[in-house]
C-alpha atoms as a PDB file:
ATOM      1  CA  MET A   1      -0.124   0.130   0.127  1.00  0.00           C
ATOM      2  CA  THR A   2       1.270   3.539  -1.114  1.00  0.00           C
ATOM      3  CA  THR A   3       1.460   5.815   1.704  1.00  0.00           C
ATOM      4  CA  PRO A   4      -0.256   9.239   0.302  1.00  0.00           C
ATOM      5  CA  TYR A   5       2.732  11.732  -0.331  1.00  0.00           C
ATOM      6  CA  ILE A   6       2.880  15.272  -2.464  1.00  0.00           C
ATOM      7  CA  ILE A   7       5.351  16.442  -5.314  1.00  0.00           C
ATOM      8  CA  LEU A   8       6.339  20.142  -4.808  1.00  0.00           C
ATOM      9  CA  GLY A   9       8.525  21.109  -7.126  1.00  0.00           C
ATOM     10  CA  PRO A  10      11.967  19.075  -6.370  1.00  0.00           C
ATOM     11  CA  ILE A  11      10.540  17.857  -3.359  1.00  0.00           C
ATOM     12  CA  THR A  12       8.941  14.399  -3.227  1.00  0.00           C
ATOM     13  CA  THR A  13       7.644  13.311   0.405  1.00  0.00           C
ATOM     14  CA  ASN A  14       8.253   9.886   1.862  1.00  0.00           C
ATOM     15  CA  ALA A  15      11.508   9.731  -0.250  1.00  0.00           C
ATOM     16  CA  THR A  16      15.148  10.512  -0.125  1.00  0.00           C
ATOM     17  CA  ASP A  17      16.343  12.797  -2.237  1.00  0.00           C
ATOM     18  CA  ALA A  18      19.996  13.757  -4.371  1.00  0.00           C
ATOM     19  CA  SER A  19      21.495  15.127  -1.347  1.00  0.00           C
ATOM     20  CA  GLY A  20      20.714  12.727   1.364  1.00  0.00           C
ATOM     21  CA  VAL A  21      17.940  14.282   2.851  1.00  0.00           C
ATOM     22  CA  GLN A  22      14.934  12.186   3.822  1.00  0.00           C
ATOM     23  CA  TRP A  23      11.597  14.127   3.609  1.00  0.00           C
ATOM     24  CA  ILE A  24       8.664  12.558   5.433  1.00  0.00           C
ATOM     25  CA  GLN A  25       5.061  12.993   4.890  1.00  0.00           C
ATOM     26  CA  GLY A  26       2.917  14.325   7.778  1.00  0.00           C
ATOM     27  CA  GLU A  27      -0.344  15.604   7.460  1.00  0.00           C
ATOM     28  CA  ILE A  28      -1.980  16.893   4.296  1.00  0.00           C
ATOM     29  CA  LYS A  29      -5.144  18.632   5.273  1.00  0.00           C
ATOM     30  CA  GLY A  30      -7.662  20.245   2.715  1.00  0.00           C
ATOM     31  CA  LEU A  31      -8.399  17.263   0.221  1.00  0.00           C
ATOM     32  CA  GLY A  32     -12.108  17.222   1.033  1.00  0.00           C
ATOM     33  CA  ALA A  33     -14.683  18.831  -0.735  1.00  0.00           C
ATOM     34  CA  PRO A  34     -14.223  22.990  -0.055  1.00  0.00           C
ATOM     35  CA  GLN A  35     -16.302  25.291   2.086  1.00  0.00           C
ATOM     36  CA  GLY A  36     -19.136  26.693  -0.345  1.00  0.00           C
ATOM     37  CA  THR A  37     -20.757  30.351  -0.783  1.00  0.00           C
ATOM     38  CA  LEU A  38     -23.972  29.632   0.921  1.00  0.00           C
ATOM     39  CA  ALA A  39     -25.069  32.532   3.172  1.00  0.00           C
ATOM     40  CA  PRO A  40     -28.488  32.092   4.192  1.00  0.00           C
ATOM     41  CA  GLN A  41     -30.919  34.636   5.090  1.00  0.00           C
ATOM     42  CA  GLN A  42     -33.264  34.361   8.016  1.00  0.00           C
ATOM     43  CA  LYS A  43     -36.554  34.960   6.982  1.00  0.00           C
ATOM     44  CA  PRO A  44     -38.199  38.160   8.777  1.00  0.00           C
ATOM     45  CA  ARG A  45     -40.848  36.869  11.486  1.00  0.00           C
ATOM     46  CA  GLN A  46     -41.193  33.264   9.908  1.00  0.00           C
ATOM     47  CA  PRO A  47     -39.463  30.534  10.243  1.00  0.00           C
ATOM     48  CA  GLY A  48     -36.518  29.309   7.644  1.00  0.00           C
ATOM     49  CA  ALA A  49     -34.329  30.931   5.441  1.00  0.00           C
ATOM     50  CA  TRP A  50     -33.714  32.331   1.815  1.00  0.00           C
ATOM     51  CA  ALA A  51     -30.664  30.814   0.212  1.00  0.00           C
ATOM     52  CA  GLY A  52     -29.490  31.197  -3.073  1.00  0.00           C
ATOM     53  CA  LEU A  53     -27.148  28.824  -4.991  1.00  0.00           C
ATOM     54  CA  SER A  54     -23.940  27.734  -3.811  1.00  0.00           C
ATOM     55  CA  TYR A  55     -20.616  27.375  -5.080  1.00  0.00           C
ATOM     56  CA  ALA A  56     -17.247  26.152  -4.195  1.00  0.00           C
ATOM     57  CA  LYS A  57     -14.715  28.439  -2.642  1.00  0.00           C
ATOM     58  CA  GLY A  58     -11.070  27.967  -3.491  1.00  0.00           C
ATOM     59  CA  ARG A  59      -9.159  25.249  -1.817  1.00  0.00           C
ATOM     60  CA  SER A  60      -7.203  25.544   1.198  1.00  0.00           C
ATOM     61  CA  PHE A  61      -4.126  23.156   1.965  1.00  0.00           C
ATOM     62  CA  VAL A  62      -1.819  22.391   5.087  1.00  0.00           C
ATOM     63  CA  VAL A  63       0.803  20.407   4.466  1.00  0.00           C
ATOM     64  CA  ASN A  64       3.450  19.319   7.089  1.00  0.00           C
ATOM     65  CA  GLY A  65       5.955  16.843   7.630  1.00  0.00           C
ATOM     66  CA  THR A  66       9.763  16.278   8.800  1.00  0.00           C
ATOM     67  CA  ALA A  67      13.361  16.667   7.004  1.00  0.00           C
ATOM     68  CA  ILE A  68      16.272  14.407   8.006  1.00  0.00           C
ATOM     69  CA  ALA A  69      19.347  15.410   6.651  1.00  0.00           C
ATOM     70  CA  PRO A  70      22.728  13.762   6.848  1.00  0.00           C
ATOM     71  CA  ASP A  71      24.556  16.712   8.039  1.00  0.00           C
ATOM     72  CA  ALA A  72      23.882  20.193   9.036  1.00  0.00           C
ATOM     73  CA  ALA A  73      24.671  21.771   5.627  1.00  0.00           C
ATOM     74  CA  SER A  74      22.397  19.523   3.813  1.00  0.00           C
ATOM     75  CA  ALA A  75      19.219  20.465   6.486  1.00  0.00           C
ATOM     76  CA  GLN A  76      20.107  23.956   5.857  1.00  0.00           C
ATOM     77  CA  LEU A  77      19.946  23.193   2.007  1.00  0.00           C
ATOM     78  CA  ALA A  78      16.909  21.359   2.245  1.00  0.00           C
ATOM     79  CA  LEU A  79      15.282  24.181   4.070  1.00  0.00           C
ATOM     80  CA  ASP A  80      16.030  26.554   1.494  1.00  0.00           C
ATOM     81  CA  VAL A  81      14.681  23.824  -1.071  1.00  0.00           C
ATOM     82  CA  LEU A  82      11.566  23.863   0.834  1.00  0.00           C
ATOM     83  CA  ASN A  83      11.307  27.875   1.078  1.00  0.00           C
ATOM     84  CA  ALA A  84      11.656  27.906  -2.890  1.00  0.00           C
ATOM     85  CA  ALA A  85       9.110  25.376  -3.729  1.00  0.00           C
ATOM     86  CA  ALA A  86       6.761  26.738  -1.582  1.00  0.00           C
ATOM     87  CA  SER A  87       6.313  29.996  -3.748  1.00  0.00           C
ATOM     88  CA  LEU A  88       4.198  32.616  -3.884  1.00  0.00           C
ATOM     89  CA  ASP A  89       3.690  32.451  -7.576  1.00  0.00           C
ATOM     90  CA  GLU A  90       1.593  29.732  -9.122  1.00  0.00           C
ATOM     91  CA  THR A  91       3.076  25.913  -8.382  1.00  0.00           C
ATOM     92  CA  LEU A  92       2.097  22.702  -9.278  1.00  0.00           C
ATOM     93  CA  LEU A  93       1.158  20.601  -6.237  1.00  0.00           C
ATOM     94  CA  THR A  94       0.632  16.800  -6.740  1.00  0.00           C
ATOM     95  CA  TYR A  95      -1.089  14.709  -4.394  1.00  0.00           C
ATOM     96  CA  VAL A  96      -0.197  10.803  -5.000  1.00  0.00           C
ATOM     97  CA  THR A  97      -1.730   7.545  -3.508  1.00  0.00           C
ATOM     98  CA  ALA A  98      -2.041   4.014  -4.389  1.00  0.00           C
ATOM     99  CA  ALA A  99      -5.175   5.111  -6.736  1.00  0.00           C
ATOM    100  CA  GLY A 100      -3.184   7.304  -8.487  1.00  0.00           C
ATOM    101  CA  ALA A 101      -2.240  11.015  -8.883  1.00  0.00           C
ATOM    102  CA  ARG A 102      -4.266  14.259  -8.627  1.00  0.00           C
ATOM    103  CA  TRP A 103      -2.722  17.778  -9.006  1.00  0.00           C
ATOM    104  CA  THR A 104      -3.795  21.497  -8.470  1.00  0.00           C
ATOM    105  CA  MET A 105      -1.697  24.635  -9.323  1.00  0.00           C
ATOM    106  CA  THR A 106      -1.465  26.398  -6.004  1.00  0.00           C
ATOM    107  CA  ARG A 107       0.580  29.087  -4.506  1.00  0.00           C
ATOM    108  CA  ARG A 108       1.761  29.254  -0.494  1.00  0.00           C
ATOM    109  CA  ASP A 109      -0.769  31.433   1.680  1.00  0.00           C
ATOM    110  CA  GLY A 110       1.160  32.581   4.990  1.00  0.00           C
ATOM    111  CA  GLU A 111       4.645  31.413   5.780  1.00  0.00           C
ATOM    112  CA  VAL A 112       7.143  28.547   5.677  1.00  0.00           C
ATOM    113  CA  ILE A 113       7.168  27.198   9.100  1.00  0.00           C
ATOM    114  CA  PRO A 114       9.970  25.149  10.216  1.00  0.00           C
ATOM    115  CA  VAL A 115      10.697  23.700  13.488  1.00  0.00           C
ATOM    116  CA  TRP A 116      14.325  22.736  14.010  1.00  0.00           C
ATOM    117  CA  LEU A 117      14.806  19.320  16.094  1.00  0.00           C
ATOM    118  CA  ASN A 118      18.396  19.324  16.181  1.00  0.00           C
ATOM    119  CA  SER A 119      21.190  20.569  13.631  1.00  0.00           C
ATOM    120  CA  THR A 120      19.840  18.031  11.141  1.00  0.00           C
ATOM    121  CA  ALA A 121      16.473  17.795  11.222  1.00  0.00           C
ATOM    122  CA  PHE A 122      13.336  19.747  11.193  1.00  0.00           C
ATOM    123  CA  THR A 123      10.039  19.858  11.030  1.00  0.00           C
ATOM    124  CA  TRP A 124       7.493  21.815   8.601  1.00  0.00           C
ATOM    125  CA  SER A 125       4.372  23.180   7.764  1.00  0.00           C
ATOM    126  CA  VAL A 126       3.027  25.328   4.966  1.00  0.00           C
ATOM    127  CA  GLN A 127      -0.334  26.413   3.945  1.00  0.00           C
ATOM    128  CA  PHE A 128      -1.419  26.723   0.636  1.00  0.00           C
ATOM    129  CA  PHE A 129      -4.237  28.127  -1.431  1.00  0.00           C
ATOM    130  CA  SER A 130      -5.537  27.074  -5.097  1.00  0.00           C
ATOM    131  CA  PRO A 131      -8.126  29.624  -6.349  1.00  0.00           C
ATOM    132  CA  ASP A 132      -9.923  26.880  -8.485  1.00  0.00           C
ATOM    133  CA  PRO A 133     -11.050  24.248  -6.024  1.00  0.00           C
ATOM    134  CA  ARG A 134     -10.781  21.187  -8.201  1.00  0.00           C
ATOM    135  CA  MET A 135      -8.242  18.717  -8.298  1.00  0.00           C
ATOM    136  CA  PHE A 136      -7.462  16.868 -11.524  1.00  0.00           C
ATOM    137  CA  GLY A 137      -6.077  13.824 -13.103  1.00  0.00           C
ATOM    138  CA  ALA A 138      -3.994  12.970 -16.216  1.00  0.00           C
ATOM    139  CA  PRO A 139      -5.332  14.618 -19.312  1.00  0.00           C
ATOM    140  CA  ILE A 140      -6.619  12.035 -22.224  1.00  0.00           C
ATOM    141  CA  SER A 141      -7.351  12.942 -25.358  1.00  0.00           C
ATOM    142  CA  GLY A 142      -8.934  11.305 -28.926  1.00  0.00           C
ATOM    143  CA  SER A 143      -9.378  12.108 -32.510  1.00  0.00           C
ATOM    144  CA  THR A 144     -12.001  12.013 -35.048  1.00  0.00           C
ATOM    145  CA  PHE A 145     -12.661  13.683 -38.997  1.00  0.00           C
ATOM    146  CA  LEU A 146     -15.504  14.809 -40.557  1.00  0.00           C
ATOM    147  CA  PRO A 147     -18.463  12.087 -40.718  1.00  0.00           C
ATOM    148  CA  ALA A 148     -17.910   9.898 -44.298  1.00  0.00           C
ATOM    149  CA  THR A 149     -18.765   6.424 -45.580  1.00  0.00           C
ATOM    150  CA  SER A 150     -16.388   5.183 -48.327  1.00  0.00           C
ATOM    151  CA  GLY A 151     -15.723   2.308 -50.456  1.00  0.00           C
ATOM    152  CA  GLY A 152     -18.132  -1.011 -50.683  1.00  0.00           C
ATOM    153  CA  MET A 153     -19.322  -2.469 -53.828  1.00  0.00           C
ATOM    154  CA  SER A 154     -22.445  -4.618 -54.333  1.00  0.00           C
ATOM    155  CA  TYR A 155     -23.286  -6.855 -56.884  1.00  0.00           C
ATOM    156  CA  PRO A 156     -26.569  -8.693 -58.805  1.00  0.00           C
ATOM    157  CA  PHE A 157     -24.915 -12.066 -57.788  1.00  0.00           C
ATOM    158  CA  SER A 158     -23.637 -13.641 -55.022  1.00  0.00           C
ATOM    159  CA  ILE A 159     -19.570 -13.671 -54.795  1.00  0.00           C
ATOM    160  CA  PRO A 160     -17.474 -15.560 -52.012  1.00  0.00           C
ATOM    161  CA  PHE A 161     -15.864 -12.207 -51.028  1.00  0.00           C
ATOM    162  CA  GLY A 162     -16.928  -8.580 -50.386  1.00  0.00           C
ATOM    163  CA  TYR A 163     -15.542  -5.202 -50.419  1.00  0.00           C
ATOM    164  CA  PRO A 164     -16.628  -3.457 -46.654  1.00  0.00           C
ATOM    165  CA  ALA A 165     -17.558   0.244 -46.689  1.00  0.00           C
ATOM    166  CA  VAL A 166     -15.128   2.376 -44.711  1.00  0.00           C
ATOM    167  CA  SER A 167     -16.945   4.491 -42.037  1.00  0.00           C
ATOM    168  CA  VAL A 168     -15.949   7.324 -40.152  1.00  0.00           C
ATOM    169  CA  SER A 169     -18.170   8.437 -37.258  1.00  0.00           C
ATOM    170  CA  GLY A 170     -17.453  12.258 -36.723  1.00  0.00           C
ATOM    171  CA  GLN A 171     -17.813  11.529 -32.853  1.00  0.00           C
ATOM    172  CA  LEU A 172     -15.162  10.686 -30.418  1.00  0.00           C
ATOM    173  CA  SER A 173     -15.651   9.469 -26.419  1.00  0.00           C
ATOM    174  CA  LEU A 174     -13.849  10.275 -23.606  1.00  0.00           C
ATOM    175  CA  PHE A 175     -14.705   9.248 -19.912  1.00  0.00           C
ATOM    176  CA  ASN A 176     -14.118  11.424 -16.984  1.00  0.00           C
ATOM    177  CA  SER A 177     -13.630   9.268 -13.702  1.00  0.00           C
ATOM    178  CA  GLY A 178     -14.095  12.443 -11.522  1.00  0.00           C
ATOM    179  CA  ASN A 179     -16.744  13.818  -9.928  1.00  0.00           C
ATOM    180  CA  GLU A 180     -16.837  17.472 -10.878  1.00  0.00           C
ATOM    181  CA  THR A 181     -16.555  19.010 -14.444  1.00  0.00           C
ATOM    182  CA  GLY A 182     -13.262  19.383 -15.904  1.00  0.00           C
ATOM    183  CA  PRO A 183     -11.568  21.446 -18.702  1.00  0.00           C
ATOM    184  CA  VAL A 184     -11.486  20.823 -22.542  1.00  0.00           C
ATOM    185  CA  ILE A 185      -9.067  21.705 -25.412  1.00  0.00           C
ATOM    186  CA  ALA A 186     -10.458  21.285 -28.608  1.00  0.00           C
ATOM    187  CA  ARG A 187      -8.069  21.412 -31.400  1.00  0.00           C
ATOM    188  CA  ILE A 188      -9.370  21.526 -35.381  1.00  0.00           C
ATOM    189  CA  ASP A 189      -6.699  20.781 -38.018  1.00  0.00           C
ATOM    190  CA  GLY A 190      -7.363  22.230 -41.311  1.00  0.00           C
ATOM    191  CA  PRO A 191      -8.522  22.026 -44.165  1.00  0.00           C
ATOM    192  CA  ALA A 192     -11.627  23.248 -42.464  1.00  0.00           C
ATOM    193  CA  VAL A 193     -14.381  25.620 -43.325  1.00  0.00           C
ATOM    194  CA  GLY A 194     -16.864  26.871 -40.639  1.00  0.00           C
ATOM    195  CA  PRO A 195     -16.519  23.769 -38.169  1.00  0.00           C
ATOM    196  CA  VAL A 196     -18.868  23.005 -35.497  1.00  0.00           C
ATOM    197  CA  ILE A 197     -17.790  21.013 -32.269  1.00  0.00           C
ATOM    198  CA  THR A 198     -21.056  19.468 -30.165  1.00  0.00           C
ATOM    199  CA  HIS A 199     -21.026  18.001 -26.714  1.00  0.00           C
ATOM    200  CA  ASN A 200     -23.644  15.067 -27.682  1.00  0.00           C
ATOM    201  CA  GLY A 201     -24.637  14.833 -23.933  1.00  0.00           C
ATOM    202  CA  SER A 202     -25.701  18.498 -23.032  1.00  0.00           C
ATOM    203  CA  GLY A 203     -26.468  19.398 -27.042  1.00  0.00           C
ATOM    204  CA  LEU A 204     -23.877  22.217 -26.685  1.00  0.00           C
ATOM    205  CA  ALA A 205     -23.051  23.524 -30.169  1.00  0.00           C
ATOM    206  CA  LEU A 206     -19.639  25.656 -30.561  1.00  0.00           C
ATOM    207  CA  THR A 207     -20.618  27.180 -34.237  1.00  0.00           C
ATOM    208  CA  PHE A 208     -17.947  29.113 -36.391  1.00  0.00           C
ATOM    209  CA  ALA A 209     -19.056  30.754 -39.282  1.00  0.00           C
ATOM    210  CA  SER A 210     -18.709  29.853 -42.666  1.00  0.00           C
ATOM    211  CA  SER A 211     -16.344  32.583 -43.396  1.00  0.00           C
ATOM    212  CA  LEU A 212     -13.754  31.017 -41.015  1.00  0.00           C
ATOM    213  CA  VAL A 213     -11.650  28.666 -43.255  1.00  0.00           C
ATOM    214  CA  LEU A 214      -8.474  26.928 -42.154  1.00  0.00           C
ATOM    215  CA  ASN A 215      -5.890  26.023 -44.668  1.00  0.00           C
ATOM    216  CA  ALA A 216      -4.161  22.214 -44.716  1.00  0.00           C
ATOM    217  CA  SER A 217      -1.217  23.781 -42.355  1.00  0.00           C
ATOM    218  CA  GLU A 218      -3.461  25.497 -40.237  1.00  0.00           C
ATOM    219  CA  TRP A 219      -5.234  24.888 -36.640  1.00  0.00           C
ATOM    220  CA  LEU A 220      -7.561  26.046 -34.334  1.00  0.00           C
ATOM    221  CA  THR A 221      -7.030  25.968 -30.545  1.00  0.00           C
ATOM    222  CA  VAL A 222     -10.341  26.376 -28.349  1.00  0.00           C
ATOM    223  CA  ASP A 223     -10.319  26.095 -24.930  1.00  0.00           C
ATOM    224  CA  MET A 224     -13.631  25.751 -23.580  1.00  0.00           C
ATOM    225  CA  GLU A 225     -13.263  26.983 -20.292  1.00  0.00           C
ATOM    226  CA  ARG A 226     -11.622  29.989 -21.205  1.00  0.00           C
ATOM    227  CA  HIS A 227     -14.023  30.845 -24.182  1.00  0.00           C
ATOM    228  CA  THR A 228     -11.182  31.453 -26.556  1.00  0.00           C
ATOM    229  CA  ALA A 229     -10.512  30.259 -29.902  1.00  0.00           C
ATOM    230  CA  MET A 230      -6.926  30.902 -31.535  1.00  0.00           C
ATOM    231  CA  ALA A 231      -5.751  30.273 -35.107  1.00  0.00           C
ATOM    232  CA  ASN A 232      -2.223  28.745 -35.092  1.00  0.00           C
ATOM    233  CA  ASP A 233      -2.372  29.525 -31.004  1.00  0.00           C
ATOM    234  CA  GLN A 234      -1.641  33.238 -31.983  1.00  0.00           C
ATOM    235  CA  ALA A 235      -4.438  35.005 -33.761  1.00  0.00           C
ATOM    236  CA  SER A 236      -8.164  35.529 -31.831  1.00  0.00           C
ATOM    237  CA  ARG A 237     -11.058  33.774 -33.910  1.00  0.00           C
ATOM    238  CA  SER A 238     -13.471  34.312 -31.478  1.00  0.00           C
ATOM    239  CA  GLY A 239     -15.344  37.021 -33.703  1.00  0.00           C
ATOM    240  CA  TYR A 240     -16.360  33.849 -35.920  1.00  0.00           C
ATOM    241  CA  ILE A 241     -18.204  32.181 -33.284  1.00  0.00           C
ATOM    242  CA  THR A 242     -21.844  32.245 -34.187  1.00  0.00           C
ATOM    243  CA  GLN A 243     -23.111  29.914 -31.614  1.00  0.00           C
ATOM    244  CA  ARG A 244     -21.319  29.855 -27.969  1.00  0.00           C
ATOM    245  CA  GLY A 245     -22.079  26.248 -26.920  1.00  0.00           C
ATOM    246  CA  TRP A 246     -19.009  25.817 -24.839  1.00  0.00           C
ATOM    247  CA  SER A 247     -19.049  22.328 -23.309  1.00  0.00           C
ATOM    248  CA  GLY A 248     -16.956  20.729 -20.047  1.00  0.00           C
ATOM    249  CA  PHE A 249     -15.746  17.354 -19.348  1.00  0.00           C
ATOM    250  CA  ASP A 250     -18.858  16.140 -17.255  1.00  0.00           C
ATOM    251  CA  PRO A 251     -18.643  13.156 -14.976  1.00  0.00           C
ATOM    252  CA  GLY A 252     -19.110   9.757 -16.610  1.00  0.00           C
ATOM    253  CA  ASN A 253     -18.891   9.486 -20.647  1.00  0.00           C
ATOM    254  CA  ASN A 254     -18.841  12.471 -22.906  1.00  0.00           C
ATOM    255  CA  THR A 255     -19.255  12.093 -26.675  1.00  0.00           C
ATOM    256  CA  TRP A 256     -18.165  15.040 -29.186  1.00  0.00           C
ATOM    257  CA  SER A 257     -19.009  15.295 -33.134  1.00  0.00           C
ATOM    258  CA  LEU A 258     -17.201  17.149 -35.373  1.00  0.00           C
ATOM    259  CA  THR A 259     -19.416  18.674 -38.561  1.00  0.00           C
ATOM    260  CA  ALA A 260     -18.489  21.736 -40.788  1.00  0.00           C
ATOM    261  CA  ALA A 261     -19.987  23.840 -43.572  1.00  0.00           C
ATOM    262  CA  SER A 262     -18.454  22.136 -46.350  1.00  0.00           C
ATOM    263  CA  PHE A 263     -16.527  18.357 -46.501  1.00  0.00           C
ATOM    264  CA  ASN A 264     -12.861  17.659 -46.570  1.00  0.00           C
ATOM    265  CA  ALA A 265     -11.580  14.078 -45.592  1.00  0.00           C
ATOM    266  CA  ALA A 266      -8.714  15.646 -43.669  1.00  0.00           C
ATOM    267  CA  THR A 267     -10.667  18.176 -41.470  1.00  0.00           C
ATOM    268  CA  LYS A 268      -9.500  16.563 -37.805  1.00  0.00           C
ATOM    269  CA  LEU A 269     -10.795  17.167 -34.340  1.00  0.00           C
ATOM    270  CA  THR A 270      -9.035  16.672 -31.454  1.00  0.00           C
ATOM    271  CA  ILE A 271     -10.402  16.987 -27.783  1.00  0.00           C
ATOM    272  CA  THR A 272      -8.041  16.991 -24.842  1.00  0.00           C
ATOM    273  CA  ALA A 273      -9.828  16.532 -21.404  1.00  0.00           C
ATOM    274  CA  THR A 274      -8.825  16.578 -17.729  1.00  0.00           C
ATOM    275  CA  PRO A 275     -10.916  14.356 -15.217  1.00  0.00           C
ATOM    276  CA  ALA A 276     -11.675  16.732 -12.181  1.00  0.00           C
ATOM    277  CA  TYR A 277     -12.218  15.730  -8.748  1.00  0.00           C
ATOM    278  CA  LYS A 278     -14.103  17.768  -6.014  1.00  0.00           C
END
């Protein structure tokens, strides 16, 4: 059984680093569903309260542990590494269990608190804050081309062999193993004219005008969560969107379909989606 641990920059707890410092994982607080924004207001002169919709707040973490070094110089260096890893800037924090890894982009909130046990060992505690309350798994992806059927032959008499038709569904399916809607990045590789990306479960369709034309060497990157569409990852094409059906990676199975204003067998849709957890 794997004891849960974290990876923060160059530090992997429950492991010994290249300097011979043993990092021992302590408590990890903040892995449950974060607090919501619910603010009920008591009804005047009657029982009950009014309470609108509630949304998850940002996620706070408190992580602590112990560092044991082979000598005093290595112990001080270990604290320096911890101070740098617990950055005030956005930092990747990964939480690893026997069931797999989940990650969040976080930043230090408060001070790094070391308590020296002796000249070669100290305990430490750090609080972090993630503006996005979700934890994420490893991104997964799939691709499809425009729906088409080609080939296949029929004869007015029986033959001992056949020429089956080749079909392209124009759809791709990905499974979100999490319990929260995750982010989606869509990429359309040209040639393409007026592409449409539809999330079949919700019916949300992101439609581009037929005046949007991608040549064979061009592509369009769509960030469904940030509501952006960038040609060749450089120039915005949001002005070409005529229907803004931005879709997410919902828990369970998700299917997207690709259509376009005109057919080209090389038009390709790739979806990269990230499972998310409360």
